Amino acid sequence: MSYIESRFGIKDHTALVTGGTKGIGRAIVEELAALGAKVITCARNAQDLQDLEKQAQGKGWHVKGIQADLSTYDGRQSLMAEVKESFGGSLQILVNNVGTNIRKSTVEYTAEDYSHIQNTNLESAYNLTQLAHPLLKAAGKSSVVMISSVAGGPSTVQSGTIYAMLKAAMDQLTKNLCCEWAADGIRINSVKPWYIDTPLAAPVIQDPKRLGEVCSRTPMDRVGQPGEVSGLVAFLCSPAASYITGQGICVDGGFSVMGLYSKSGPM
């Protein structure tokens, strides 16, 4: 084994990536599979999963798609049962990526809106990680990555109150699990993107005015690409990141540190 492989390699690692047919999730599945990991992913749309599997087979990647609705407890239990069977009772990488959003003002949200976003974004990550614990512990030196958001941080990003508060909760979950599960050989980190060119962000990115507002708050003056998130995820799952846990790492083109600084100079 070469030095690069021993430090950054994840060949033959078992991985579960939720919501892996589109956007950031798709990029993470492709990144891990290209590096030699054996990846299971899930989505609600069977055709999207079939298309992903076909692409993976053409490239010699090990990718299996499972149809599941992770907003439900039964969907999470069923998925984890298949993961356990497919990977022989151990799991080295779990990426909680599945998520959704509804952009409204706070007074316009219905109880159904709240339940849908909460069940999909936070409860799925919490419960699936809980269900995965025996498999992660059995694998040893395993890694969990939460796909959070800068929306859960100190700066508001107009993504909606519910989405923002749930992402903040996901970051806190990361910190708690880091402390609880370190003795089990499980590292937990969260990755916090700003606007990334994905279907979920399309309503903002495709609006020239709103896109201009996003770029004006971003020192790099652009939105990010899915591959710029997946590279960090792969690193956090590699041996080179073996002493990194409990962290929330921003992938935001400098948004989170811009503060009152303007592109024309200090304000």
Protein backbone atom coordinates (compact mmCIF):
# COMPACT_ATOMS: atom_id res chain seq x y z
CA MET A 1 0.00 0.00 0.00
CA SER A 2 1.34 3.41 -0.98
CA TYR A 3 1.64 6.34 1.41
CA ILE A 4 -1.26 8.12 -0.31
CA GLU A 5 -3.48 5.05 0.01
CA SER A 6 -2.60 4.54 3.68
CA ARG A 7 -3.37 8.18 4.50
CA PHE A 8 -6.29 9.03 2.25
CA GLY A 9 -7.55 5.72 0.89
CA ILE A 10 -11.02 4.36 1.61
CA LYS A 11 -10.91 1.45 -0.82
CA ASP A 12 -13.36 -1.31 0.17
CA HIS A 13 -14.79 0.81 3.01
CA THR A 14 -18.50 0.25 3.48
CA ALA A 15 -20.57 3.42 3.19
CA LEU A 16 -24.18 4.54 3.44
CA VAL A 17 -25.05 7.91 1.88
CA THR A 18 -28.64 9.03 2.25
CA GLY A 19 -30.36 10.99 -0.50
CA GLY A 20 -27.67 10.11 -3.01
CA THR A 21 -29.30 10.56 -6.41
CA LYS A 22 -29.14 14.36 -6.69
CA GLY A 23 -27.04 17.37 -5.79
CA ILE A 24 -24.57 17.08 -2.94
CA GLY A 25 -25.62 13.50 -2.15
CA ARG A 26 -24.97 12.39 -5.71
CA ALA A 27 -21.53 14.00 -5.66
CA ILE A 28 -20.69 12.24 -2.38
CA VAL A 29 -21.78 8.85 -3.72
CA GLU A 30 -19.65 9.35 -6.83
CA GLU A 31 -16.65 10.60 -4.82
CA LEU A 32 -16.64 7.69 -2.38
CA ALA A 33 -17.32 5.10 -5.08
CA ALA A 34 -14.56 6.49 -7.32
CA LEU A 35 -12.17 6.10 -4.38
CA GLY A 36 -13.10 2.44 -4.12
CA ALA A 37 -15.70 2.43 -1.35
CA LYS A 38 -18.70 0.10 -1.46
CA VAL A 39 -21.64 2.47 -1.32
CA ILE A 40 -25.30 2.01 -0.53
CA THR A 41 -27.55 4.99 -1.12
CA CYS A 42 -31.26 5.60 -0.90
CA ALA A 43 -33.97 7.80 -2.35
CA ARG A 44 -37.73 7.73 -2.76
CA ASN A 45 -37.60 7.62 -6.58
CA ALA A 46 -36.82 4.13 -7.90
CA GLN A 47 -35.96 5.34 -11.41
CA ASP A 48 -33.36 7.78 -10.09
CA LEU A 49 -31.73 4.93 -8.16
CA GLN A 50 -31.71 2.69 -11.23
CA ASP A 51 -30.09 5.41 -13.31
CA LEU A 52 -27.40 5.91 -10.67
CA GLU A 53 -26.69 2.19 -10.44
CA LYS A 54 -26.38 1.96 -14.21
CA GLN A 55 -23.89 4.83 -14.31
CA ALA A 56 -21.90 3.26 -11.48
CA GLN A 57 -21.75 -0.12 -13.19
CA GLY A 58 -20.41 1.53 -16.33
CA LYS A 59 -17.54 2.99 -14.32
CA GLY A 60 -16.79 -0.13 -12.32
CA TRP A 61 -18.07 1.36 -9.05
CA HIS A 62 -19.79 -0.56 -6.25
CA VAL A 63 -23.07 1.32 -5.74
CA LYS A 64 -26.38 -0.15 -4.62
CA GLY A 65 -29.59 1.86 -4.51
CA ILE A 66 -32.40 1.16 -2.05
CA GLN A 67 -35.80 2.81 -2.30
CA ALA A 68 -36.71 4.26 1.09
CA ASP A 69 -38.56 7.19 2.62
CA LEU A 70 -36.38 8.33 5.52
CA SER A 71 -39.01 10.72 6.83
CA THR A 72 -40.67 7.62 8.33
CA TYR A 73 -39.41 5.32 11.08
CA ASP A 74 -40.34 2.22 9.07
CA GLY A 75 -38.35 3.52 6.12
CA ARG A 76 -35.26 4.02 8.29
CA GLN A 77 -35.55 0.61 9.93
CA SER A 78 -36.00 -1.12 6.59
CA LEU A 79 -32.99 0.66 5.10
CA MET A 80 -30.73 -0.19 8.02
CA ALA A 81 -31.78 -3.85 7.90
CA GLU A 82 -30.69 -4.02 4.25
CA VAL A 83 -27.42 -2.22 5.03
CA LYS A 84 -26.69 -4.67 7.84
CA GLU A 85 -27.32 -7.65 5.59
CA SER A 86 -25.39 -6.24 2.62
CA PHE A 87 -22.31 -5.25 4.67
CA GLY A 88 -22.19 -8.18 7.05
CA GLY A 89 -23.14 -6.26 10.18
CA SER A 90 -20.59 -3.44 10.00
CA LEU A 91 -20.51 0.04 8.52
CA GLN A 92 -17.48 2.32 8.25
CA ILE A 93 -19.03 5.47 6.77
CA LEU A 94 -22.43 7.05 7.30
CA VAL A 95 -23.28 10.31 5.54
CA ASN A 96 -26.59 11.86 6.63
CA ASN A 97 -27.32 13.97 3.58
CA VAL A 98 -31.03 13.63 2.88
CA GLY A 99 -32.89 16.89 3.31
CA THR A 100 -35.59 19.18 2.04
CA ASN A 101 -36.82 22.72 2.51
CA ILE A 102 -39.84 24.94 2.09
CA ARG A 103 -39.06 28.66 1.95
CA LYS A 104 -41.76 30.72 3.64
CA SER A 105 -42.04 33.41 6.26
CA THR A 106 -42.46 31.98 9.75
CA VAL A 107 -46.14 32.88 10.09
CA GLU A 108 -46.97 31.06 6.84
CA TYR A 109 -45.68 27.62 7.87
CA THR A 110 -48.30 24.99 8.61
CA ALA A 111 -48.02 22.14 11.08
CA GLU A 112 -47.68 19.81 8.09
CA ASP A 113 -44.78 21.88 6.72
CA TYR A 114 -42.99 21.69 10.06
CA SER A 115 -43.46 17.94 10.42
CA HIS A 116 -42.30 17.26 6.87
CA ILE A 117 -39.09 19.30 7.15
CA GLN A 118 -38.33 18.11 10.69
CA ASN A 119 -38.88 14.44 9.92
CA THR A 120 -36.82 14.56 6.75
CA ASN A 121 -33.92 16.75 7.88
CA LEU A 122 -33.36 16.10 11.58
CA GLU A 123 -35.29 13.10 12.81
CA SER A 124 -33.96 10.98 9.94
CA ALA A 125 -30.35 11.90 10.77
CA TYR A 126 -30.83 11.35 14.50
CA ASN A 127 -32.70 8.06 14.25
CA LEU A 128 -30.65 6.59 11.40
CA THR A 129 -27.40 7.35 13.23
CA GLN A 130 -28.89 5.78 16.35
CA LEU A 131 -29.85 2.65 14.41
CA ALA A 132 -26.42 2.53 12.75
CA HIS A 133 -24.48 2.67 16.04
CA PRO A 134 -24.00 -1.13 16.41
CA LEU A 135 -22.74 -1.38 12.82
CA LEU A 136 -20.41 1.61 13.19
CA LYS A 137 -19.03 0.27 16.46
CA ALA A 138 -18.51 -3.18 14.96
CA ALA A 139 -16.49 -1.69 12.09
CA GLY A 140 -14.13 0.26 14.36
CA LYS A 141 -12.53 3.54 13.27
CA SER A 142 -15.75 4.58 11.58
CA SER A 143 -16.96 8.02 10.54
CA VAL A 144 -20.31 9.81 10.49
CA VAL A 145 -20.72 13.01 8.50
CA MET A 146 -23.79 15.21 8.89
CA ILE A 147 -24.55 17.44 5.92
CA SER A 148 -25.64 20.54 7.82
CA SER A 149 -25.62 24.15 6.59
CA VAL A 150 -24.30 27.60 7.39
CA ALA A 151 -27.99 28.40 7.86
CA GLY A 152 -27.67 26.87 11.32
CA GLY A 153 -24.91 29.31 12.29
CA PRO A 154 -24.94 32.86 13.64
CA SER A 155 -25.67 34.54 10.29
CA THR A 156 -29.16 34.41 8.80
CA VAL A 157 -29.37 33.27 5.19
CA GLN A 158 -33.10 33.59 4.49
CA SER A 159 -33.51 29.84 4.09
CA GLY A 160 -36.53 29.72 6.39
CA THR A 161 -36.79 29.47 10.16
CA ILE A 162 -37.51 25.74 10.32
CA TYR A 163 -34.61 24.72 8.06
CA ALA A 164 -32.18 26.94 9.97
CA MET A 165 -33.15 25.74 13.44
CA LEU A 166 -32.99 22.09 12.41
CA LYS A 167 -29.52 22.51 10.93
CA ALA A 168 -28.40 24.13 14.20
CA ALA A 169 -29.80 21.10 16.02
CA MET A 170 -27.88 18.81 13.68
CA ASP A 171 -24.64 20.62 14.60
CA GLN A 172 -25.42 20.13 18.29
CA LEU A 173 -26.16 16.45 17.67
CA THR A 174 -22.71 16.20 16.10
CA LYS A 175 -21.06 17.59 19.24
CA ASN A 176 -22.98 15.33 21.61
CA LEU A 177 -22.33 12.16 19.64
CA CYS A 178 -18.65 13.08 19.31
CA CYS A 179 -18.35 12.91 23.09
CA GLU A 180 -20.59 9.89 23.61
CA TRP A 181 -19.19 7.67 20.88
CA ALA A 182 -15.46 8.45 20.79
CA ALA A 183 -14.79 5.42 23.01
CA ASP A 184 -16.55 3.28 20.41
CA GLY A 185 -14.12 4.37 17.69
CA ILE A 186 -16.73 6.52 15.94
CA ARG A 187 -15.92 10.04 14.74
CA ILE A 188 -18.76 12.50 14.05
CA ASN A 189 -18.40 15.73 12.06
CA SER A 190 -20.74 18.09 10.27
CA VAL A 191 -20.13 19.79 6.93
CA LYS A 192 -21.84 23.15 6.52
CA PRO A 193 -22.32 24.35 2.94
CA TRP A 194 -23.47 27.81 1.81
CA TYR A 195 -25.36 27.97 -1.48
CA ILE A 196 -24.33 25.05 -3.68
CA ASP A 197 -25.49 24.57 -7.29
CA THR A 198 -28.08 21.87 -6.60
CA PRO A 199 -31.80 21.34 -7.28
CA LEU A 200 -32.61 22.30 -3.68
CA ALA A 201 -30.96 25.71 -4.13
CA ALA A 202 -32.31 26.26 -7.64
CA PRO A 203 -35.11 28.68 -6.60
CA VAL A 204 -32.44 31.07 -5.33
CA ILE A 205 -29.66 30.45 -7.84
CA GLN A 206 -31.95 30.80 -10.87
CA ASP A 207 -33.19 34.20 -9.69
CA PRO A 208 -30.61 36.80 -10.88
CA LYS A 209 -31.44 39.24 -8.09
CA ARG A 210 -31.18 36.66 -5.32
CA LEU A 211 -28.07 35.13 -6.86
CA GLY A 212 -26.48 38.57 -6.84
CA GLU A 213 -27.32 38.93 -3.16
CA VAL A 214 -25.71 35.56 -2.40
CA CYS A 215 -22.54 36.41 -4.31
CA SER A 216 -22.34 39.83 -2.63
CA ARG A 217 -22.08 38.04 0.73
CA THR A 218 -19.48 35.57 -0.55
CA PRO A 219 -15.81 36.64 -0.80
CA MET A 220 -15.24 34.16 -3.64
CA ASP A 221 -18.16 35.81 -5.49
CA ARG A 222 -19.88 32.59 -6.62
CA VAL A 223 -21.94 29.66 -5.43
CA GLY A 224 -20.23 26.35 -4.74
CA GLN A 225 -20.29 23.12 -6.71
CA PRO A 226 -21.33 19.72 -5.28
CA GLY A 227 -17.85 18.33 -5.82
CA GLU A 228 -16.42 21.01 -3.55
CA VAL A 229 -18.46 19.51 -0.71
CA SER A 230 -17.89 15.84 -1.54
CA GLY A 231 -14.11 16.26 -1.43
CA LEU A 232 -14.26 17.39 2.19
CA VAL A 233 -16.60 14.54 3.08
CA ALA A 234 -14.20 12.01 1.58
CA PHE A 235 -11.32 13.51 3.55
CA LEU A 236 -13.25 13.36 6.82
CA CYS A 237 -13.91 9.67 6.18
CA SER A 238 -10.25 8.91 5.46
CA PRO A 239 -7.49 7.78 7.86
CA ALA A 240 -5.85 11.20 7.48
CA ALA A 241 -8.74 12.71 9.48
CA SER A 242 -8.41 10.24 12.35
CA TYR A 243 -8.09 12.96 15.04
CA ILE A 244 -10.89 15.19 13.74
CA THR A 245 -14.24 14.81 15.47
CA GLY A 246 -17.02 17.01 16.79
CA GLN A 247 -16.31 19.72 14.21
CA GLY A 248 -18.60 21.80 12.03
CA ILE A 249 -16.66 22.72 8.90
CA CYS A 250 -17.99 25.36 6.52
CA VAL A 251 -17.80 25.01 2.74
CA ASP A 252 -18.95 28.50 1.90
CA GLY A 253 -16.49 30.52 -0.16
CA GLY A 254 -15.73 32.63 2.91
CA PHE A 255 -19.34 33.57 3.76
CA SER A 256 -19.13 32.64 7.44
CA VAL A 257 -16.12 34.87 8.12
CA MET A 258 -17.04 37.86 6.00
CA GLY A 259 -18.92 39.71 8.76
CA LEU A 260 -18.89 43.46 8.16
CA TYR A 261 -16.09 43.24 5.63
CA SER A 262 -17.08 44.35 2.13
CA LYS A 263 -15.39 43.45 -1.13
CA SER A 264 -14.28 47.06 -1.52
CA GLY A 265 -12.54 46.98 1.86
CA PRO A 266 -13.28 47.12 5.60
CA MET A 267 -16.50 48.87 6.65
